[in-house]
Amino acid sequence: MSTISDQVVPRTGHSAWLVWVGAASMAFLAVFALALTMSAARLAQSWTDALAQSATIRISAPPAELDSQTAAVLEVLRTTPGIEDARTMTPDEQGALLSVWLGPDLPLDTLPLPRMIEVWETPEGPDRQGLRLRLSAEAPGAIYDDHTQWRRPLIDAASRLRALSLLALAIIGAVTGVIIALAASAALASNAQVIRVLRLVGARDRFIARAFVRRMTRRAALGAAIGTGLGMASLLGLPSFGPEATSGLGFQGAGWLVPMVVPVLIAGVALLAAAATAMRVLRGVT
């Protein structure tokens, strides 16, 4: 009886190809959406970690007081718990930073540039409010910047990118369900005569739907497995940024196991969509 009922779903035809190609395409896109989500989180974490343990002190003072205030700031930093190291940036280094915005031909000698000090914090970090108070007392022209204004936009951007990636995954799941529903409806409608014959020999609609859903789910799972494999192979073919790189689109380490859930999820969507469509179409076949 199972062999007879399997004839409800044709082995070839437009509906079969629609399921295979649709599931493979959606799985391919889902792999890239997952890679984008994980890459965005990894990149944002890398940037925020780097900025979280670094700071900059800008000293704006008259030329006659600049050296003395710089020495005072370095002494405060040396005696502050939570400060790992600090150094004064050279004029050439400051010029390299400014050249990005103002061009390489900037006459630095004619500009009253502030003195810049790079600071590296320990993982615990200093008492920043207390450090600012000490700096204002020892060097009124010193401003401590812990890069908070740079970290917050990075975190916000990463959160929005993750949200968009999750939205893309939800849309992919919805489109997959629509594709399966259309294929299921077409397959059942084209086999209405076979369904009537099965009913005449005693087959119930639930039995017919179960055989139908089983075939559609297998097709969707196979297509999704192919699409997932192609997506992972495409990610492996992207240029590498080195073993220590945290940027770039792709997975790292155990993250490569995450795409393995894509065929399972698409098969689940196919099962639900096919079951709902099968029962609805069978009720209309008389």
Protein backbone atom coordinates (compact mmCIF):
# COMPACT_ATOMS: atom_id res chain seq x y z
CA MET A 1 0.00 0.00 0.00
CA SER A 2 2.87 2.36 0.75
CA THR A 3 4.27 1.87 -2.78
CA ILE A 4 0.88 2.66 -4.31
CA SER A 5 0.40 5.76 -2.17
CA ASP A 6 3.87 7.05 -3.05
CA GLN A 7 2.59 7.48 -6.61
CA VAL A 8 0.64 10.50 -5.39
CA VAL A 9 3.89 12.44 -5.57
CA PRO A 10 5.53 12.12 -8.99
CA ARG A 11 9.19 11.19 -9.01
CA THR A 12 9.93 13.74 -11.72
CA GLY A 13 8.24 16.83 -13.07
CA HIS A 14 8.01 20.50 -12.25
CA SER A 15 6.94 20.00 -8.65
CA ALA A 16 9.87 17.68 -7.89
CA TRP A 17 12.41 20.06 -9.41
CA LEU A 18 10.78 23.00 -7.65
CA VAL A 19 11.31 21.34 -4.27
CA TRP A 20 14.91 20.33 -4.95
CA VAL A 21 16.05 23.61 -6.48
CA GLY A 22 14.06 25.75 -4.05
CA ALA A 23 15.40 23.95 -0.97
CA ALA A 24 18.97 24.02 -2.29
CA SER A 25 18.77 27.75 -3.09
CA MET A 26 17.29 28.67 0.26
CA ALA A 27 19.87 26.54 2.12
CA PHE A 28 22.67 28.22 0.18
CA LEU A 29 21.39 31.66 1.18
CA ALA A 30 20.84 30.52 4.78
CA VAL A 31 24.49 29.47 5.08
CA PHE A 32 25.61 32.94 4.04
CA ALA A 33 23.12 34.58 6.40
CA LEU A 34 24.48 32.49 9.28
CA ALA A 35 28.06 33.32 8.26
CA LEU A 36 27.21 37.02 8.21
CA THR A 37 25.66 36.82 11.66
CA MET A 38 28.62 35.05 13.23
CA SER A 39 31.22 37.15 11.39
CA ALA A 40 29.58 40.38 12.52
CA ALA A 41 29.56 39.23 16.12
CA ARG A 42 33.19 38.09 15.90
CA LEU A 43 34.40 41.32 14.30
CA ALA A 44 32.53 43.54 16.74
CA GLN A 45 33.88 41.55 19.68
CA SER A 46 37.42 41.84 18.36
CA TRP A 47 37.17 45.58 17.89
CA THR A 48 35.50 46.26 21.22
CA ASP A 49 38.02 44.09 23.08
CA ALA A 50 40.90 45.99 21.48
CA LEU A 51 39.38 49.37 22.26
CA ALA A 52 38.28 48.34 25.75
CA GLN A 53 41.89 47.89 26.93
CA SER A 54 43.31 50.99 25.30
CA ALA A 55 42.88 54.71 25.80
CA THR A 56 44.32 57.99 24.62
CA ILE A 57 45.27 61.10 26.55
CA ARG A 58 45.31 64.38 24.66
CA ILE A 59 47.28 67.24 26.20
CA SER A 60 46.47 70.72 24.96
CA ALA A 61 48.68 73.34 26.63
CA PRO A 62 50.91 76.31 25.78
CA PRO A 63 54.24 75.21 24.22
CA ALA A 64 56.14 76.25 27.37
CA GLU A 65 54.02 73.94 29.55
CA LEU A 66 53.57 71.01 27.17
CA ASP A 67 56.65 69.04 28.26
CA SER A 68 56.01 69.51 31.98
CA GLN A 69 52.38 68.48 31.68
CA THR A 70 53.35 65.44 29.60
CA ALA A 71 55.84 64.36 32.28
CA ALA A 72 53.18 64.87 34.98
CA VAL A 73 50.67 62.77 33.05
CA LEU A 74 53.16 59.93 32.53
CA GLU A 75 53.97 59.95 36.26
CA VAL A 76 50.27 59.77 37.16
CA LEU A 77 49.82 56.85 34.79
CA ARG A 78 52.88 55.07 36.18
CA THR A 79 51.42 55.14 39.70
CA THR A 80 47.83 54.29 38.74
CA PRO A 81 46.65 50.70 39.33
CA GLY A 82 45.08 49.20 36.23
CA ILE A 83 47.45 50.94 33.79
CA GLU A 84 49.76 48.46 32.09
CA ASP A 85 51.83 50.80 29.94
CA ALA A 86 51.84 54.26 28.37
CA ARG A 87 53.97 56.10 25.83
CA THR A 88 54.05 59.42 24.04
CA MET A 89 53.30 59.35 20.36
CA THR A 90 55.93 60.86 18.07
CA PRO A 91 55.08 63.74 15.69
CA ASP A 92 55.48 61.36 12.75
CA GLU A 93 52.91 58.98 14.23
CA GLN A 94 50.48 61.83 14.80
CA GLY A 95 51.08 63.00 11.26
CA ALA A 96 50.30 59.51 9.93
CA LEU A 97 46.98 59.57 11.78
CA LEU A 98 46.08 63.02 10.50
CA SER A 99 47.13 62.27 6.92
CA VAL A 100 44.13 59.97 6.56
CA TRP A 101 41.84 62.97 7.01
CA LEU A 102 43.96 65.95 5.89
CA GLY A 103 46.30 64.45 3.30
CA PRO A 104 50.01 63.56 3.32
CA ASP A 105 51.30 67.10 2.62
CA LEU A 106 50.07 68.58 5.88
CA PRO A 107 52.65 71.08 7.32
CA LEU A 108 52.74 69.69 10.85
CA ASP A 109 55.53 72.04 11.95
CA THR A 110 53.23 75.02 11.55
CA LEU A 111 50.30 73.55 13.48
CA PRO A 112 49.89 73.64 17.27
CA LEU A 113 49.27 69.91 17.62
CA PRO A 114 48.34 68.53 21.05
CA ARG A 115 50.56 65.95 22.67
CA MET A 116 49.12 62.43 22.41
CA ILE A 117 49.79 59.60 24.87
CA GLU A 118 48.79 56.01 24.16
CA VAL A 119 47.62 54.06 27.20
CA TRP A 120 47.20 50.30 27.61
CA GLU A 121 45.03 49.09 30.45
CA THR A 122 45.05 45.79 32.30
CA PRO A 123 41.95 43.55 31.93
CA GLU A 124 40.66 44.92 35.24
CA GLY A 125 41.21 48.51 34.12
CA PRO A 126 41.75 51.62 36.27
CA ASP A 127 39.30 53.73 38.21
CA ARG A 128 38.62 56.01 35.27
CA GLN A 129 36.74 58.67 37.17
CA GLY A 130 39.49 58.87 39.80
CA LEU A 131 42.13 58.93 37.07
CA ARG A 132 40.43 61.83 35.34
CA LEU A 133 40.36 63.77 38.59
CA ARG A 134 44.08 63.17 39.18
CA LEU A 135 44.90 64.20 35.63
CA SER A 136 42.89 67.43 35.90
CA ALA A 137 44.79 68.30 39.08
CA GLU A 138 48.28 67.51 37.73
CA ALA A 139 47.78 68.54 34.09
CA PRO A 140 44.75 70.76 33.43
CA GLY A 141 45.20 70.40 29.67
CA ALA A 142 44.95 66.56 29.70
CA ILE A 143 41.81 64.80 28.49
CA TYR A 144 41.43 61.04 29.05
CA ASP A 145 39.55 59.25 26.24
CA ASP A 146 38.71 55.60 26.94
CA HIS A 147 37.13 55.16 23.47
CA THR A 148 33.62 54.74 24.85
CA GLN A 149 32.21 56.83 22.02
CA TRP A 150 33.88 54.47 19.54
CA ARG A 151 32.80 51.23 21.22
CA ARG A 152 29.12 52.06 21.44
CA PRO A 153 28.53 52.54 17.68
CA LEU A 154 30.37 49.27 17.01
CA ILE A 155 28.16 47.39 19.43
CA ASP A 156 25.02 49.02 18.00
CA ALA A 157 26.09 48.27 14.42
CA ALA A 158 26.83 44.63 15.27
CA SER A 159 23.46 44.25 17.00
CA ARG A 160 21.60 45.68 14.02
CA LEU A 161 23.55 43.52 11.60
CA ARG A 162 22.74 40.42 13.64
CA ALA A 163 19.08 41.43 13.72
CA LEU A 164 19.05 41.87 9.93
CA SER A 165 20.72 38.49 9.49
CA LEU A 166 18.11 36.82 11.69
CA LEU A 167 15.39 38.59 9.71
CA ALA A 168 16.97 37.25 6.52
CA LEU A 169 16.89 33.74 7.98
CA ALA A 170 13.21 34.16 8.88
CA ILE A 171 12.44 35.34 5.33
CA ILE A 172 14.37 32.39 3.90
CA GLY A 173 12.31 30.04 6.07
CA ALA A 174 9.06 31.68 4.97
CA VAL A 175 9.99 31.54 1.28
CA THR A 176 10.96 27.89 1.69
CA GLY A 177 7.54 27.15 3.17
CA VAL A 178 5.82 28.95 0.28
CA ILE A 179 7.86 27.02 -2.30
CA ILE A 180 7.03 23.68 -0.67
CA ALA A 181 3.35 24.61 -0.36
CA LEU A 182 3.15 25.56 -4.05
CA ALA A 183 4.93 22.38 -5.12
CA ALA A 184 2.73 20.28 -2.86
CA SER A 185 -0.44 21.89 -4.13
CA ALA A 186 0.61 21.39 -7.76
CA ALA A 187 1.60 17.77 -7.20
CA LEU A 188 -1.64 16.86 -5.45
CA ALA A 189 -3.81 18.71 -7.94
CA SER A 190 -2.16 16.94 -10.86
CA ASN A 191 -2.73 13.55 -9.19
CA ALA A 192 -6.38 13.98 -8.23
CA GLN A 193 -7.34 10.85 -10.18
CA VAL A 194 -4.78 8.74 -8.30
CA ILE A 195 -6.13 10.09 -5.00
CA ARG A 196 -9.68 9.06 -5.96
CA VAL A 197 -8.49 5.54 -6.81
CA LEU A 198 -6.68 5.23 -3.47
CA ARG A 199 -9.83 6.30 -1.69
CA LEU A 200 -11.84 3.67 -3.54
CA VAL A 201 -9.49 0.94 -2.31
CA GLY A 202 -9.85 2.14 1.27
CA ALA A 203 -6.98 4.57 1.78
CA ARG A 204 -7.73 7.38 4.20
CA ASP A 205 -6.70 10.97 3.59
CA ARG A 206 -4.34 10.87 6.56
CA PHE A 207 -2.53 7.88 5.03
CA ILE A 208 -2.28 9.57 1.62
CA ALA A 209 -1.06 12.81 3.19
CA ARG A 210 1.54 10.99 5.28
CA ALA A 211 3.04 9.27 2.24
CA PHE A 212 2.96 12.54 0.34
CA VAL A 213 4.59 14.54 3.13
CA ARG A 214 7.28 11.90 3.56
CA ARG A 215 8.31 12.16 -0.11
CA MET A 216 8.28 15.98 -0.11
CA THR A 217 10.29 16.17 3.10
CA ARG A 218 12.95 13.81 1.73
CA ARG A 219 13.26 15.91 -1.40
CA ALA A 220 13.57 19.14 0.57
CA ALA A 221 16.17 17.63 2.92
CA LEU A 222 18.23 16.37 -0.03
CA GLY A 223 18.07 19.73 -1.79
CA ALA A 224 18.94 21.56 1.42
CA ALA A 225 21.92 19.29 2.03
CA ILE A 226 23.22 20.04 -1.46
CA GLY A 227 22.69 23.78 -1.03
CA THR A 228 24.38 23.75 2.38
CA GLY A 229 27.37 21.91 0.98
CA LEU A 230 27.67 24.39 -1.89
CA GLY A 231 27.39 27.32 0.52
CA MET A 232 30.10 25.97 2.82
CA ALA A 233 32.35 25.24 -0.15
CA SER A 234 31.84 28.80 -1.39
CA LEU A 235 32.83 30.20 2.01
CA LEU A 236 35.95 28.02 2.03
CA GLY A 237 36.85 29.47 -1.36
CA LEU A 238 36.86 33.05 -0.10
CA PRO A 239 40.29 34.70 0.42
CA SER A 240 41.90 33.95 3.77
CA PHE A 241 43.07 36.73 6.07
CA GLY A 242 45.45 34.50 7.98
CA PRO A 243 45.06 32.09 10.88
CA GLU A 244 44.74 34.89 13.42
CA ALA A 245 42.21 36.90 11.45
CA THR A 246 38.89 37.60 13.10
CA SER A 247 37.41 39.51 10.17
CA GLY A 248 36.11 38.21 6.89
CA LEU A 249 32.95 36.33 6.05
CA GLY A 250 32.89 32.74 7.24
CA PHE A 251 32.96 30.38 10.21
CA GLN A 252 35.80 29.53 12.56
CA GLY A 253 36.56 26.38 14.54
CA ALA A 254 33.44 24.68 15.86
CA GLY A 255 31.37 27.33 14.09
CA TRP A 256 31.59 25.20 10.95
CA LEU A 257 29.14 22.79 12.62
CA VAL A 258 26.42 25.45 12.73
CA PRO A 259 25.43 25.20 9.03
CA MET A 260 24.74 21.50 9.57
CA VAL A 261 21.42 22.45 11.16
CA VAL A 262 20.22 24.15 7.96
CA PRO A 263 19.03 20.92 6.20
CA VAL A 264 17.30 19.83 9.40
CA LEU A 265 15.47 23.15 9.74
CA ILE A 266 14.47 23.24 6.08
CA ALA A 267 13.24 19.65 6.31
CA GLY A 268 11.14 20.68 9.31
CA VAL A 269 9.68 23.63 7.42
CA ALA A 270 8.96 21.36 4.45
CA LEU A 271 7.21 18.81 6.65
CA LEU A 272 4.91 21.42 8.20
CA ALA A 273 4.18 23.18 4.91
CA ALA A 274 3.56 19.93 3.03
CA ALA A 275 1.32 18.52 5.78
CA ALA A 276 -0.81 21.66 5.96
CA THR A 277 -1.09 21.87 2.18
CA ALA A 278 -1.84 18.17 1.76
CA MET A 279 -4.75 18.18 4.19
CA ARG A 280 -6.17 21.36 2.67
CA VAL A 281 -5.95 20.05 -0.93
CA LEU A 282 -7.26 16.58 -0.02
CA ARG A 283 -10.37 18.13 1.52
CA GLY A 284 -11.04 19.76 -1.84
CA VAL A 285 -10.62 16.57 -3.88
CA THR A 286 -13.93 14.75 -4.24
